[in-house]
């Protein structure tokens, strides 16, 4: 890789310490106890120490961690930074993502199912894939899903109410999010339990997620074959039409890869958002009371909860395509950068009193939370996530006032997830209604 001697790093380790070398000389360990015990507080101290610090990353590579909202937004929108490390002139060796995947020992059979990935492409290639999916995520198409989401949500909650108690994760959030994304993609209702099972195993480090992922890929291949014979008004049919178009240059592996990405991202992120959103409102009873008194503030409330309660902690790595100075430090061609979304979402430069939940908070245009990312790779499903979040919070916390956690907060448990920054996911969420 390129890069001059100013880019080389002095070794260091441990937690942040202002008495030690400057941020470009010290390696900060995000495994230090302070990040486990008080992540928001620890990230706040890191953010005020420096806009960029060096951190260790799974797989052994050291990366720059950006800690401030403005800087993260800038880099995510800057074409000098790419997600595909092969676009870096002179690059040799695997990317961080490839290093992580290598540790998973995936079967060769799986590689046959994966083509271009929307999250790992840049420039025209990324734009081409995004345009292919765009018809499924128009505002009109998303809003048309509202009746289905409301019906599914109401049915699941009615069943929970009849029991008087249950697990909000497995009996509400998971089946709701699976129904929503499966409906959008075109997966039959009778097949949804299989998809939910596979997704649960996919995020569980103790399960054979390779078998589950292979099962999902094989299912999608069969679904593509069915939709080619009998098209429908769904995303799979949109992908099939793109595959059959001479202009789009999309093959079956690309279509499967894109569908897997949509299912995986939608399922896990929304499950945890619903649960964490409930906890955040229970922790702020004054804001919950205000929201019940002013239900028209629900869209703003969901944006605020997305800021505070998202389980996605970091942005995917970006690679510098040239040497440059950034935020007062020297970044080398080929250096990897990632952004702490939690640090950005609690940055007081953009959010006055960021630790305070404010359901009426309305940030300036272009200065909202970064839970959906920013720039060309901003989450294509952001409007769907907001709609799903609105329905869930409305049905759980506004139309009902009796939902309560059936265990102490300390008894909530989280599962070990795949290496490499996957969100910390709850294993269950016992409630009484």
Protein backbone atom coordinates (compact mmCIF):
# COMPACT_ATOMS: atom_id res chain seq x y z
CA UNK A 1 0.00 0.00 0.00
CA UNK A 2 1.00 3.61 -0.36
CA UNK A 3 1.66 5.93 2.53
CA UNK A 4 4.61 7.88 3.91
CA UNK A 5 6.55 7.48 7.12
CA UNK A 6 4.31 9.95 8.94
CA UNK A 7 1.55 7.40 8.63
CA UNK A 8 3.36 4.70 10.60
CA UNK A 9 2.03 4.10 14.06
CA UNK A 10 3.80 3.81 17.40
CA UNK A 11 2.55 0.73 19.22
CA UNK A 12 0.37 1.15 22.28
CA UNK A 13 -2.46 -0.60 24.04
CA UNK A 14 -5.13 -0.30 26.66
CA UNK A 15 -7.83 2.20 27.41
CA UNK A 16 -7.67 5.91 26.69
CA UNK A 17 -5.34 7.94 28.87
CA UNK A 18 -4.62 11.58 28.17
CA UNK A 19 -1.22 11.27 29.86
CA UNK A 20 -0.13 8.77 27.20
CA UNK A 21 0.80 9.45 23.56
CA UNK A 22 -1.48 11.38 21.21
CA UNK A 23 -4.46 9.61 19.57
CA UNK A 24 -2.46 8.81 16.42
CA UNK A 25 0.18 7.02 18.52
CA UNK A 26 -1.88 5.02 21.01
CA UNK A 27 -3.96 1.92 20.31
CA UNK A 28 -7.28 1.99 22.20
CA UNK A 29 -8.82 -1.36 23.10
CA UNK A 30 -12.61 -1.37 22.80
CA UNK A 31 -12.50 -4.56 24.89
CA UNK A 32 -11.42 -2.54 27.93
CA UNK A 33 -13.88 -2.86 30.88
CA UNK A 34 -15.01 0.76 30.61
CA UNK A 35 -16.60 0.08 27.19
CA UNK A 36 -18.51 -2.88 28.60
CA UNK A 37 -19.60 -1.22 31.86
CA UNK A 38 -20.56 2.20 30.49
CA UNK A 39 -20.29 2.24 26.68
CA UNK A 40 -21.96 5.61 26.13
CA UNK A 41 -19.89 7.28 28.84
CA UNK A 42 -16.67 5.67 27.64
CA UNK A 43 -17.36 6.68 24.05
CA UNK A 44 -18.13 10.23 25.22
CA UNK A 45 -14.71 10.45 26.87
CA UNK A 46 -13.13 9.02 23.72
CA UNK A 47 -15.03 11.51 21.55
CA UNK A 48 -13.86 14.48 23.62
CA UNK A 49 -10.30 13.18 23.67
CA UNK A 50 -10.02 13.08 19.87
CA UNK A 51 -12.14 12.96 16.70
CA UNK A 52 -10.10 9.94 15.49
CA UNK A 53 -8.25 7.26 17.46
CA UNK A 54 -6.52 4.00 16.59
CA UNK A 55 -8.33 0.85 17.76
CA UNK A 56 -7.69 -2.86 17.44
CA UNK A 57 -10.08 -4.76 15.21
CA UNK A 58 -11.00 -8.47 15.03
CA UNK A 59 -8.55 -10.18 12.71
CA UNK A 60 -5.59 -8.17 13.97
CA UNK A 61 -5.83 -5.10 11.72
CA UNK A 62 -5.74 -1.69 13.35
CA UNK A 63 -8.18 0.93 12.14
CA UNK A 64 -9.04 4.53 12.71
CA UNK A 65 -12.20 4.92 14.79
CA UNK A 66 -14.03 8.19 14.13
CA UNK A 67 -15.90 9.47 17.16
CA UNK A 68 -17.67 12.65 16.06
CA UNK A 69 -20.83 13.02 14.02
CA UNK A 70 -19.61 15.64 11.53
CA UNK A 71 -16.45 13.70 10.69
CA UNK A 72 -18.26 10.38 10.25
CA UNK A 73 -20.86 11.98 8.00
CA UNK A 74 -18.09 13.62 5.96
CA UNK A 75 -16.12 10.41 5.42
CA UNK A 76 -19.20 8.32 4.59
CA UNK A 77 -19.99 10.80 1.81
CA UNK A 78 -16.43 11.31 0.52
CA UNK A 79 -15.59 9.37 -2.69
CA UNK A 80 -11.93 9.22 -1.62
CA UNK A 81 -13.02 6.52 0.85
CA UNK A 82 -14.29 3.21 -0.51
CA UNK A 83 -15.86 0.06 0.96
CA UNK A 84 -14.14 -2.20 -1.59
CA UNK A 85 -10.46 -2.32 -0.58
CA UNK A 86 -9.49 -3.66 -4.02
CA UNK A 87 -10.25 -0.14 -5.30
CA UNK A 88 -7.25 1.16 -3.33
CA UNK A 89 -4.26 1.58 -5.71
CA UNK A 90 -1.57 -0.97 -4.99
CA UNK A 91 -3.60 -2.86 -2.41
CA UNK A 92 -2.59 -6.40 -1.55
CA UNK A 93 -4.19 -8.81 0.87
CA UNK A 94 -7.73 -9.29 2.25
CA UNK A 95 -10.05 -6.62 3.56
CA UNK A 96 -11.22 -6.54 7.17
CA UNK A 97 -14.51 -8.11 6.09
CA UNK A 98 -12.68 -10.87 4.22
CA UNK A 99 -10.53 -11.55 7.28
CA UNK A 100 -13.66 -11.91 9.41
CA UNK A 101 -15.34 -14.18 6.90
CA UNK A 102 -12.22 -16.35 6.78
CA UNK A 103 -12.53 -17.01 10.52
CA UNK A 104 -16.03 -18.43 9.98
CA UNK A 105 -14.82 -21.35 7.84
CA UNK A 106 -17.76 -21.12 5.43
CA UNK A 107 -18.31 -23.95 2.98
CA UNK A 108 -17.24 -23.59 -0.65
CA UNK A 109 -20.84 -24.32 -1.60
CA UNK A 110 -21.96 -21.01 -0.08
CA UNK A 111 -19.63 -19.00 -2.29
CA UNK A 112 -21.61 -20.13 -5.34
CA UNK A 113 -24.66 -18.27 -4.00
CA UNK A 114 -23.07 -14.90 -3.39
CA UNK A 115 -22.43 -12.27 -6.02
CA UNK A 116 -22.27 -8.49 -5.79
CA UNK A 117 -23.18 -7.16 -2.35
CA UNK A 118 -24.90 -3.80 -2.08
CA UNK A 119 -22.94 -3.05 1.10
CA UNK A 120 -19.53 -3.88 -0.41
CA UNK A 121 -19.68 -2.11 -3.76
CA UNK A 122 -18.67 1.41 -4.73
CA UNK A 123 -19.38 3.92 -7.45
CA UNK A 124 -21.30 2.86 -10.54
CA UNK A 125 -21.51 -0.78 -9.43
CA UNK A 126 -23.16 0.24 -6.15
CA UNK A 127 -25.44 2.71 -7.91
CA UNK A 128 -26.53 0.00 -10.37
CA UNK A 129 -27.49 -2.40 -7.58
CA UNK A 130 -29.25 0.32 -5.61
CA UNK A 131 -31.28 1.39 -8.65
CA UNK A 132 -32.39 -2.21 -9.08
CA UNK A 133 -33.83 -2.27 -5.55
CA UNK A 134 -35.17 1.29 -5.56
CA UNK A 135 -38.67 0.42 -6.87
CA UNK A 136 -39.28 -1.75 -3.77
CA UNK A 137 -38.47 1.13 -1.40
CA UNK A 138 -40.35 4.11 -2.78
CA UNK A 139 -42.36 6.09 -0.22
CA UNK A 140 -45.56 5.01 -1.93
CA UNK A 141 -44.61 1.32 -1.82
CA UNK A 142 -43.56 1.52 1.83
CA UNK A 143 -46.68 3.36 2.94
CA UNK A 144 -48.79 0.75 1.16
CA UNK A 145 -47.39 -1.78 3.64
CA UNK A 146 -48.87 0.06 6.64
CA UNK A 147 -52.19 -1.89 6.75
CA UNK A 148 -50.35 -5.21 6.62
CA UNK A 149 -47.91 -4.17 9.38
CA UNK A 150 -50.73 -2.90 11.59
CA UNK A 151 -52.80 -6.06 11.07
CA UNK A 152 -49.87 -8.36 11.84
CA UNK A 153 -48.86 -6.32 14.90
CA UNK A 154 -52.40 -6.26 16.29
CA UNK A 155 -52.84 -10.00 15.80
CA UNK A 156 -49.59 -10.83 17.58
CA UNK A 157 -50.41 -8.55 20.51
CA UNK A 158 -53.95 -9.90 20.81
CA UNK A 159 -52.46 -13.38 21.19
CA UNK A 160 -50.05 -12.14 23.87
CA UNK A 161 -52.84 -10.36 25.75
CA UNK A 162 -54.96 -13.49 25.83
CA UNK A 163 -52.06 -15.27 27.52
CA UNK A 164 -51.35 -12.36 29.85
CA UNK A 165 -47.59 -12.84 29.49
CA UNK A 166 -45.02 -14.03 27.02
CA UNK A 167 -41.79 -13.24 25.22
CA UNK A 168 -41.92 -9.97 23.31
CA UNK A 169 -38.94 -11.01 21.19
CA UNK A 170 -40.09 -14.42 20.00
CA UNK A 171 -43.85 -13.82 20.07
CA UNK A 172 -44.00 -10.27 18.72
CA UNK A 173 -40.84 -8.56 17.41
CA UNK A 174 -39.37 -11.50 15.49
CA UNK A 175 -42.56 -12.65 13.76
CA UNK A 176 -43.49 -9.04 12.98
CA UNK A 177 -40.17 -8.16 11.38
CA UNK A 178 -40.06 -11.44 9.46
CA UNK A 179 -43.57 -10.87 8.14
CA UNK A 180 -42.72 -7.34 7.02
CA UNK A 181 -39.51 -8.14 5.14
CA UNK A 182 -40.86 -11.40 3.75
CA UNK A 183 -43.92 -9.57 2.46
CA UNK A 184 -41.74 -6.99 0.76
CA UNK A 185 -39.42 -9.55 -0.78
CA UNK A 186 -42.13 -12.00 -1.79
CA UNK A 187 -41.58 -14.93 0.57
CA UNK A 188 -44.76 -16.93 1.14
CA UNK A 189 -46.40 -16.68 4.56
CA UNK A 190 -46.19 -20.45 5.06
CA UNK A 191 -42.40 -20.25 4.66
CA UNK A 192 -41.86 -17.47 7.20
CA UNK A 193 -41.24 -19.76 10.23
CA UNK A 194 -38.33 -21.34 8.36
CA UNK A 195 -36.87 -17.92 7.53
CA UNK A 196 -37.23 -16.82 11.16
CA UNK A 197 -35.49 -19.99 12.36
CA UNK A 198 -32.62 -19.52 9.92
CA UNK A 199 -32.16 -15.88 10.89
CA UNK A 200 -32.12 -16.76 14.58
CA UNK A 201 -29.40 -19.33 13.96
CA UNK A 202 -27.47 -17.02 11.65
CA UNK A 203 -26.80 -14.55 14.48
CA UNK A 204 -26.02 -17.22 17.07
CA UNK A 205 -22.34 -18.11 17.34
CA UNK A 206 -23.28 -21.40 19.02
CA UNK A 207 -25.56 -22.52 16.17
CA UNK A 208 -24.62 -24.00 12.80
CA UNK A 209 -25.36 -20.78 10.97
CA UNK A 210 -23.57 -22.04 7.85
CA UNK A 211 -26.29 -24.65 7.36
CA UNK A 212 -28.95 -22.00 8.02
CA UNK A 213 -27.44 -19.56 5.56
CA UNK A 214 -27.15 -22.28 2.95
CA UNK A 215 -30.80 -23.18 3.51
CA UNK A 216 -31.85 -19.57 3.00
CA UNK A 217 -29.80 -19.27 -0.19
CA UNK A 218 -31.25 -22.48 -1.64
CA UNK A 219 -34.75 -21.31 -0.77
CA UNK A 220 -34.20 -17.98 -2.53
CA UNK A 221 -32.83 -19.73 -5.61
CA UNK A 222 -36.02 -21.81 -5.79
CA UNK A 223 -38.13 -18.70 -5.25
CA UNK A 224 -36.38 -16.94 -8.13
CA UNK A 225 -37.23 -19.90 -10.37
CA UNK A 226 -40.89 -19.73 -9.32
CA UNK A 227 -41.11 -15.97 -9.86
CA UNK A 228 -39.57 -16.25 -13.29
CA UNK A 229 -42.44 -18.58 -14.21
CA UNK A 230 -45.09 -16.59 -12.28
CA UNK A 231 -44.09 -12.94 -11.61
CA UNK A 232 -45.68 -11.08 -8.70
CA UNK A 233 -45.64 -7.57 -7.25
CA UNK A 234 -42.63 -8.17 -5.02
CA UNK A 235 -38.89 -7.55 -4.79
CA UNK A 236 -37.89 -11.00 -6.02
CA UNK A 237 -39.87 -10.41 -9.21
CA UNK A 238 -38.14 -7.02 -9.57
CA UNK A 239 -34.77 -8.76 -9.30
CA UNK A 240 -35.83 -11.41 -11.82
CA UNK A 241 -36.77 -8.71 -14.32
CA UNK A 242 -33.36 -7.11 -13.76
CA UNK A 243 -31.66 -10.47 -14.34
CA UNK A 244 -33.47 -10.79 -17.65
CA UNK A 245 -32.55 -7.27 -18.74
CA UNK A 246 -29.57 -6.67 -20.99
CA UNK A 247 -29.01 -3.25 -19.40
CA UNK A 248 -28.77 -4.18 -15.70
CA UNK A 249 -26.22 -7.02 -15.80
CA UNK A 250 -27.53 -8.81 -12.73
CA UNK A 251 -27.05 -12.55 -12.30
CA UNK A 252 -28.67 -15.05 -9.94
CA UNK A 253 -25.86 -14.88 -7.39
CA UNK A 254 -26.25 -11.08 -7.25
CA UNK A 255 -30.00 -11.39 -6.67
CA UNK A 256 -29.56 -13.97 -3.90
CA UNK A 257 -26.88 -11.91 -2.22
CA UNK A 258 -29.07 -8.80 -2.25
CA UNK A 259 -32.09 -10.67 -0.87
CA UNK A 260 -30.04 -12.24 1.94
CA UNK A 261 -28.68 -8.81 2.87
CA UNK A 262 -32.19 -7.34 3.04
CA UNK A 263 -33.58 -10.15 5.20
CA UNK A 264 -30.62 -10.21 7.57
CA UNK A 265 -30.34 -6.44 8.04
CA UNK A 266 -34.07 -5.91 8.49
CA UNK A 267 -34.65 -8.81 10.87
CA UNK A 268 -31.91 -8.32 13.45
CA UNK A 269 -31.79 -4.52 13.53
CA UNK A 270 -35.56 -4.11 13.89
CA UNK A 271 -35.95 -6.85 16.49
CA UNK A 272 -33.53 -5.14 18.82
CA UNK A 273 -34.81 -1.65 18.03
CA UNK A 274 -38.34 -2.58 19.11
CA UNK A 275 -37.12 -4.06 22.39
CA UNK A 276 -34.63 -1.29 23.13
CA UNK A 277 -37.22 1.33 22.21
CA UNK A 278 -39.63 -0.13 24.78
CA UNK A 279 -36.88 -0.05 27.42
CA UNK A 280 -35.97 3.55 26.56
CA UNK A 281 -39.55 4.74 26.97
CA UNK A 282 -39.93 2.83 30.24
CA UNK A 283 -36.73 4.48 31.44
CA UNK A 284 -38.21 7.90 30.57
CA UNK A 285 -41.78 7.86 31.90
CA UNK A 286 -42.14 11.62 31.44
CA UNK A 287 -41.47 11.26 27.71
CA UNK A 288 -43.81 8.29 27.46
CA UNK A 289 -46.56 10.32 29.14
CA UNK A 290 -45.88 13.22 26.78
CA UNK A 291 -46.05 10.91 23.76
CA UNK A 292 -49.35 9.46 24.93
CA UNK A 293 -50.68 12.99 25.31
CA UNK A 294 -49.28 14.03 21.92
CA UNK A 295 -49.39 10.96 19.67
CA UNK A 296 -48.79 13.19 16.65
CA UNK A 297 -45.17 13.36 17.87
CA UNK A 298 -44.72 9.63 17.16
CA UNK A 299 -42.55 10.09 14.00
CA UNK A 300 -40.18 12.38 15.95
CA UNK A 301 -40.22 9.94 18.87
CA UNK A 302 -39.16 7.06 16.62
CA UNK A 303 -36.30 9.15 15.21
CA UNK A 304 -35.20 9.93 18.77
CA UNK A 305 -35.41 6.28 19.77
CA UNK A 306 -33.47 5.32 16.64
CA UNK A 307 -30.79 7.74 17.81
CA UNK A 308 -30.65 6.37 21.35
CA UNK A 309 -31.63 2.70 21.05
CA UNK A 310 -30.09 1.35 17.85
CA UNK A 311 -28.06 -1.82 18.34
CA UNK A 312 -25.81 -1.10 15.34
CA UNK A 313 -22.66 0.26 16.94
CA UNK A 314 -20.28 0.99 14.06
CA UNK A 315 -20.28 1.84 10.38
CA UNK A 316 -18.72 -0.64 7.99
CA UNK A 317 -15.03 0.02 7.24
CA UNK A 318 -13.98 2.54 4.61
CA UNK A 319 -10.52 2.57 3.00
CA UNK A 320 -8.55 5.67 2.07
CA UNK A 321 -7.57 5.70 -1.61
CA UNK A 322 -4.82 8.28 -1.05
CA UNK A 323 -2.67 9.85 1.66
CA UNK A 324 -4.33 12.81 3.34
CA UNK A 325 -4.63 14.77 6.54
CA UNK A 326 -7.95 14.24 8.26
CA UNK A 327 -9.09 15.68 11.57
CA UNK A 328 -5.54 16.71 12.34
CA UNK A 329 -3.89 13.32 11.79
CA UNK A 330 -2.14 11.73 8.84
CA UNK A 331 -4.21 9.02 7.14
CA UNK A 332 -2.38 6.73 4.73
CA UNK A 333 -3.53 5.28 1.45
CA UNK A 334 -5.09 1.93 2.34
CA UNK A 335 -5.83 2.82 5.97
CA UNK A 336 -9.17 1.54 7.23
CA UNK A 337 -11.61 3.86 9.00
CA UNK A 338 -14.84 3.07 10.80
CA UNK A 339 -17.23 5.30 12.69
CA UNK A 340 -18.71 4.81 16.14
CA UNK A 341 -22.40 5.42 15.46
CA UNK A 342 -23.15 5.43 19.18
CA UNK A 343 -20.53 8.14 19.77
CA UNK A 344 -21.95 10.14 16.85
CA UNK A 345 -25.55 9.78 17.99
CA UNK A 346 -24.66 11.19 21.41
CA UNK A 347 -22.41 13.96 20.10
CA UNK A 348 -23.39 17.19 21.92
CA UNK A 349 -22.17 19.21 18.93
CA UNK A 350 -25.29 18.01 17.11
CA UNK A 351 -27.66 16.97 19.88
CA UNK A 352 -28.06 19.31 22.86
CA UNK A 353 -28.29 17.25 26.08
CA UNK A 354 -27.74 14.02 24.10
CA UNK A 355 -28.19 11.72 27.11
CA UNK A 356 -31.73 13.07 27.54
CA UNK A 357 -34.55 11.37 25.66
CA UNK A 358 -36.59 14.08 23.95
CA UNK A 359 -39.43 12.76 21.79
CA UNK A 360 -39.99 16.23 20.33
CA UNK A 361 -36.38 16.68 19.25
CA UNK A 362 -36.22 17.79 15.60
CA UNK A 363 -32.62 18.07 14.36
CA UNK A 364 -31.74 20.37 11.51
CA UNK A 365 -31.94 18.85 8.05
CA UNK A 366 -28.88 16.71 7.40
CA UNK A 367 -27.90 16.62 11.09
CA UNK A 368 -30.03 13.76 12.38
CA UNK A 369 -28.87 10.45 13.81
CA UNK A 370 -26.48 8.19 11.92
CA UNK A 371 -28.07 4.84 12.78
CA UNK A 372 -28.89 4.41 9.09
CA UNK A 373 -25.47 5.59 7.99
CA UNK A 374 -24.96 8.45 5.53
CA UNK A 375 -23.89 9.12 1.97
CA UNK A 376 -24.37 6.71 -0.94
CA UNK A 377 -24.59 3.69 1.38
CA UNK A 378 -27.28 5.11 3.66
CA UNK A 379 -29.69 2.28 4.50
CA UNK A 380 -32.10 1.82 1.61
CA UNK A 381 -34.72 0.51 4.03
CA UNK A 382 -34.69 3.49 6.41
CA UNK A 383 -38.27 4.53 5.64
CA UNK A 384 -39.49 0.96 6.12
CA UNK A 385 -37.70 0.75 9.49
CA UNK A 386 -39.29 4.03 10.59
CA UNK A 387 -42.76 2.84 9.59
CA UNK A 388 -42.32 -0.48 11.35
CA UNK A 389 -41.00 1.30 14.44
CA UNK A 390 -43.96 3.69 14.48
CA UNK A 391 -46.50 0.87 14.33
CA UNK A 392 -44.72 -1.16 17.02
CA UNK A 393 -44.33 1.73 19.48
CA UNK A 394 -47.91 2.85 18.83
CA UNK A 395 -49.38 -0.61 19.46
CA UNK A 396 -47.11 -1.51 22.39
CA UNK A 397 -46.87 1.75 24.31
CA UNK A 398 -49.62 4.15 23.17
CA UNK A 399 -52.63 1.91 22.57
CA UNK A 400 -51.72 -0.04 25.73
CA UNK A 401 -50.47 1.13 29.09
CA UNK A 402 -50.02 -2.23 30.81
CA UNK A 403 -46.91 -3.65 29.13
CA UNK A 404 -44.17 -4.31 31.67
CA UNK A 405 -40.94 -6.27 31.81
CA UNK A 406 -41.50 -9.53 33.68
CA UNK A 407 -37.89 -9.82 34.92
CA UNK A 408 -35.37 -7.38 36.33
CA UNK A 409 -33.19 -5.52 33.85
CA UNK A 410 -30.16 -7.45 35.13
CA UNK A 411 -31.80 -10.73 34.12
CA UNK A 412 -31.97 -9.82 30.44
CA UNK A 413 -29.40 -11.85 28.54
CA UNK A 414 -27.60 -11.34 25.24
CA UNK A 415 -26.30 -13.88 22.80
CA UNK A 416 -22.81 -14.20 21.46
CA UNK A 417 -22.86 -13.19 17.82
CA UNK A 418 -20.58 -13.81 14.89
CA UNK A 419 -17.14 -12.18 15.12
CA UNK A 420 -16.71 -8.73 13.67
CA UNK A 421 -19.05 -6.19 15.17
CA UNK A 422 -22.47 -7.81 14.81
CA UNK A 423 -25.00 -6.14 17.12
CA UNK A 424 -25.39 -7.39 20.69
CA UNK A 425 -28.74 -9.15 20.48
CA UNK A 426 -31.17 -10.01 23.26
CA UNK A 427 -32.00 -13.69 23.66
CA UNK A 428 -35.47 -13.07 25.14
CA UNK A 429 -37.69 -10.31 26.51
CA UNK A 430 -40.25 -11.64 29.04
CA UNK A 431 -43.24 -9.33 29.52
CA UNK A 432 -46.63 -9.14 31.20
CA UNK A 433 -49.62 -7.42 29.60
